[in-house]
C-alpha atoms as a PDB file:
ATOM      1  CA  MET A   1     327.132 -59.847-136.121  1.00  0.00           C
ATOM      2  CA  THR A   2     325.900 -61.025-139.671  1.00  0.00           C
ATOM      3  CA  HIS A   3     324.405 -58.888-142.394  1.00  0.00           C
ATOM      4  CA  PRO A   4     320.540 -58.788-141.633  1.00  0.00           C
ATOM      5  CA  LEU A   5     318.343 -60.314-144.672  1.00  0.00           C
ATOM      6  CA  LEU A   6     314.874 -60.342-146.193  1.00  0.00           C
ATOM      7  CA  LEU A   7     313.764 -63.145-148.171  1.00  0.00           C
ATOM      8  CA  ASP A   8     311.657 -62.337-150.969  1.00  0.00           C
ATOM      9  CA  GLU A   9     307.866 -63.714-151.247  1.00  0.00           C
ATOM     10  CA  MET A  10     308.962 -66.694-153.187  1.00  0.00           C
ATOM     11  CA  LEU A  11     311.095 -68.020-150.272  1.00  0.00           C
ATOM     12  CA  THR A  12     309.443 -69.843-147.669  1.00  0.00           C
ATOM     13  CA  PRO A  13     309.582 -68.394-144.198  1.00  0.00           C
ATOM     14  CA  LEU A  14     311.088 -71.764-143.181  1.00  0.00           C
ATOM     15  CA  ILE A  15     314.302 -70.703-144.368  1.00  0.00           C
ATOM     16  CA  ALA A  16     314.288 -67.570-142.242  1.00  0.00           C
ATOM     17  CA  GLN A  17     313.313 -69.603-139.323  1.00  0.00           C
ATOM     18  CA  GLN A  18     316.444 -72.043-139.893  1.00  0.00           C
ATOM     19  CA  LEU A  19     318.811 -69.067-140.220  1.00  0.00           C
ATOM     20  CA  ARG A  20     317.414 -67.543-137.056  1.00  0.00           C
ATOM     21  CA  GLU A  21     318.087 -70.793-135.287  1.00  0.00           C
ATOM     22  CA  ARG A  22     321.649 -70.426-136.625  1.00  0.00           C
ATOM     23  CA  GLY A  23     321.916 -67.021-135.053  1.00  0.00           C
ATOM     24  CA  HIS A  24     321.285 -65.020-138.266  1.00  0.00           C
ATOM     25  CA  ASP A  25     318.822 -61.805-138.555  1.00  0.00           C
ATOM     26  CA  VAL A  26     316.536 -63.019-141.191  1.00  0.00           C
ATOM     27  CA  THR A  27     313.002 -62.308-141.999  1.00  0.00           C
ATOM     28  CA  ALA A  28     310.677 -63.109-144.756  1.00  0.00           C
ATOM     29  CA  VAL A  29     308.011 -61.292-146.966  1.00  0.00           C
ATOM     30  CA  ALA A  30     305.945 -64.499-146.901  1.00  0.00           C
ATOM     31  CA  GLY A  31     305.795 -64.223-143.093  1.00  0.00           C
ATOM     32  CA  ASN A  32     304.514 -60.386-143.176  1.00  0.00           C
ATOM     33  CA  PRO A  33     301.253 -59.756-144.490  1.00  0.00           C
ATOM     34  CA  GLU A  34     302.283 -55.964-144.557  1.00  0.00           C
ATOM     35  CA  LEU A  35     304.812 -56.872-147.197  1.00  0.00           C
ATOM     36  CA  GLN A  36     302.956 -59.609-149.247  1.00  0.00           C
ATOM     37  CA  GLY A  37     301.927 -58.498-152.844  1.00  0.00           C
ATOM     38  CA  LEU A  38     303.814 -55.448-152.742  1.00  0.00           C
ATOM     39  CA  PRO A  39     305.903 -54.518-155.947  1.00  0.00           C
ATOM     40  CA  ASP A  40     309.371 -55.492-156.325  1.00  0.00           C
ATOM     41  CA  ASP A  41     310.639 -51.708-156.108  1.00  0.00           C
ATOM     42  CA  GLN A  42     308.686 -51.309-152.878  1.00  0.00           C
ATOM     43  CA  ILE A  43     310.296 -54.872-151.496  1.00  0.00           C
ATOM     44  CA  LEU A  44     313.754 -53.310-152.291  1.00  0.00           C
ATOM     45  CA  ALA A  45     312.950 -50.074-150.920  1.00  0.00           C
ATOM     46  CA  THR A  46     311.766 -51.763-147.386  1.00  0.00           C
ATOM     47  CA  ALA A  47     314.881 -54.142-147.412  1.00  0.00           C
ATOM     48  CA  THR A  48     316.939 -50.889-147.877  1.00  0.00           C
ATOM     49  CA  ALA A  49     315.017 -48.984-145.169  1.00  0.00           C
ATOM     50  CA  SER A  50     315.509 -51.507-142.589  1.00  0.00           C
ATOM     51  CA  GLY A  51     319.085 -52.291-143.440  1.00  0.00           C
ATOM     52  CA  ARG A  52     318.526 -55.800-144.710  1.00  0.00           C
ATOM     53  CA  ALA A  53     319.898 -57.303-147.960  1.00  0.00           C
ATOM     54  CA  LEU A  54     317.270 -58.763-150.154  1.00  0.00           C
ATOM     55  CA  VAL A  55     317.605 -62.448-151.112  1.00  0.00           C
ATOM     56  CA  THR A  56     315.516 -63.390-154.274  1.00  0.00           C
ATOM     57  CA  ALA A  57     315.245 -65.641-157.049  1.00  0.00           C
ATOM     58  CA  ASN A  58     313.629 -62.923-159.123  1.00  0.00           C
ATOM     59  CA  ILE A  59     316.856 -62.134-160.990  1.00  0.00           C
ATOM     60  CA  ARG A  60     315.119 -60.923-164.270  1.00  0.00           C
ATOM     61  CA  ASP A  61     313.209 -57.842-162.309  1.00  0.00           C
ATOM     62  CA  PHE A  62     315.927 -57.317-159.751  1.00  0.00           C
ATOM     63  CA  LEU A  63     318.912 -56.789-161.649  1.00  0.00           C
ATOM     64  CA  PRO A  64     317.321 -53.814-163.674  1.00  0.00           C
ATOM     65  CA  LEU A  65     316.178 -52.379-160.407  1.00  0.00           C
ATOM     66  CA  ASP A  66     319.663 -52.634-159.255  1.00  0.00           C
ATOM     67  CA  ALA A  67     320.853 -50.745-162.390  1.00  0.00           C
ATOM     68  CA  THR A  68     318.083 -47.967-162.262  1.00  0.00           C
ATOM     69  CA  LEU A  69     319.281 -47.318-158.482  1.00  0.00           C
ATOM     70  CA  THR A  70     322.872 -47.337-159.567  1.00  0.00           C
ATOM     71  CA  ALA A  71     322.208 -44.950-162.607  1.00  0.00           C
ATOM     72  CA  ALA A  72     320.352 -42.530-160.062  1.00  0.00           C
ATOM     73  CA  GLY A  73     323.388 -42.396-157.836  1.00  0.00           C
ATOM     74  CA  ARG A  74     321.372 -44.335-154.875  1.00  0.00           C
ATOM     75  CA  SER A  75     321.865 -47.861-153.491  1.00  0.00           C
ATOM     76  CA  HIS A  76     320.388 -50.595-151.734  1.00  0.00           C
ATOM     77  CA  SER A  77     321.605 -52.747-148.666  1.00  0.00           C
ATOM     78  CA  GLY A  78     322.632 -55.701-151.070  1.00  0.00           C
ATOM     79  CA  LEU A  79     321.014 -58.231-153.263  1.00  0.00           C
ATOM     80  CA  VAL A  80     321.543 -61.977-152.966  1.00  0.00           C
ATOM     81  CA  LEU A  81     320.371 -63.503-156.195  1.00  0.00           C
ATOM     82  CA  ILE A  82     319.426 -67.017-156.459  1.00  0.00           C
ATOM     83  CA  PRO A  83     320.227 -68.671-159.793  1.00  0.00           C
ATOM     84  CA  THR A  84     317.803 -71.495-160.601  1.00  0.00           C
ATOM     85  CA  ARG A  85     320.376 -73.463-162.319  1.00  0.00           C
ATOM     86  CA  THR A  86     322.284 -73.603-159.219  1.00  0.00           C
ATOM     87  CA  PHE A  87     319.492 -74.161-156.934  1.00  0.00           C
ATOM     88  CA  PRO A  88     316.660 -76.048-158.770  1.00  0.00           C
ATOM     89  CA  GLN A  89     313.277 -75.985-157.136  1.00  0.00           C
ATOM     90  CA  ASP A  90     313.574 -79.615-156.065  1.00  0.00           C
ATOM     91  CA  ARG A  91     313.287 -81.331-152.493  1.00  0.00           C
ATOM     92  CA  ALA A  92     316.605 -80.256-151.488  1.00  0.00           C
ATOM     93  CA  PHE A  93     315.774 -76.618-152.396  1.00  0.00           C
ATOM     94  CA  ILE A  94     315.074 -75.371-148.903  1.00  0.00           C
ATOM     95  CA  GLY A  95     318.017 -77.003-147.327  1.00  0.00           C
ATOM     96  CA  ALA A  96     320.293 -75.843-150.151  1.00  0.00           C
ATOM     97  CA  ILE A  97     319.170 -72.378-149.698  1.00  0.00           C
ATOM     98  CA  THR A  98     319.620 -72.397-146.132  1.00  0.00           C
ATOM     99  CA  GLU A  99     323.219 -73.937-146.113  1.00  0.00           C
ATOM    100  CA  ALA A 100     324.259 -71.467-149.002  1.00  0.00           C
ATOM    101  CA  LEU A 101     322.963 -68.470-147.031  1.00  0.00           C
ATOM    102  CA  ASP A 102     324.468 -69.626-143.644  1.00  0.00           C
ATOM    103  CA  LYS A 103     327.746 -69.976-145.391  1.00  0.00           C
ATOM    104  CA  LEU A 104     327.334 -66.537-146.834  1.00  0.00           C
ATOM    105  CA  LEU A 105     326.480 -64.897-143.565  1.00  0.00           C
ATOM    106  CA  ALA A 106     329.312 -66.759-141.662  1.00  0.00           C
ATOM    107  CA  ALA A 107     332.004 -65.133-143.936  1.00  0.00           C
ATOM    108  CA  PRO A 108     332.279 -61.264-142.734  1.00  0.00           C
ATOM    109  CA  GLY A 109     332.678 -58.635-145.396  1.00  0.00           C
ATOM    110  CA  HIS A 110     331.189 -60.704-148.413  1.00  0.00           C
ATOM    111  CA  LEU A 111     327.651 -58.791-148.317  1.00  0.00           C
ATOM    112  CA  GLY A 112     327.221 -55.043-147.933  1.00  0.00           C
ATOM    113  CA  PRO A 113     325.429 -52.219-149.184  1.00  0.00           C
ATOM    114  CA  GLY A 114     325.156 -51.734-153.044  1.00  0.00           C
ATOM    115  CA  GLN A 115     326.631 -55.315-153.379  1.00  0.00           C
ATOM    116  CA  VAL A 116     324.868 -57.879-155.897  1.00  0.00           C
ATOM    117  CA  ILE A 117     325.882 -61.377-155.291  1.00  0.00           C
ATOM    118  CA  PHE A 118     324.845 -64.483-156.942  1.00  0.00           C
ATOM    119  CA  LEU A 119     324.516 -67.216-154.332  1.00  0.00           C
ATOM    120  CA  GLN A 120     326.823 -70.243-154.523  1.00  0.00           C
ATOM    121  CA  ARG A 121     326.639 -73.665-153.085  1.00  0.00           C
END
């Protein structure tokens, strides 16, 4: 079984759908009206409460949230950060993210509570 994921709002639900077709437990903020527009800290708290690692390209906001939680002795269910230099927003973006997440999820033990991972191609 792979680690469940929640895709942040800037990521299309199509990525979640493609990953589910490959057997992964993935949902998307953009596919859930209750989560759309929530502040970053609430999105991370929601992901944590449901045992899902959060996947986001919003590195600038989520690294400080991780540091704040760590300083307070709290944790999250994992953060997967998408560097824009590695994954430029072009025609290949959706496929590249889907492939990279599939590869990450297929490797057991690479993602877990409190971990922060920069997604690789």
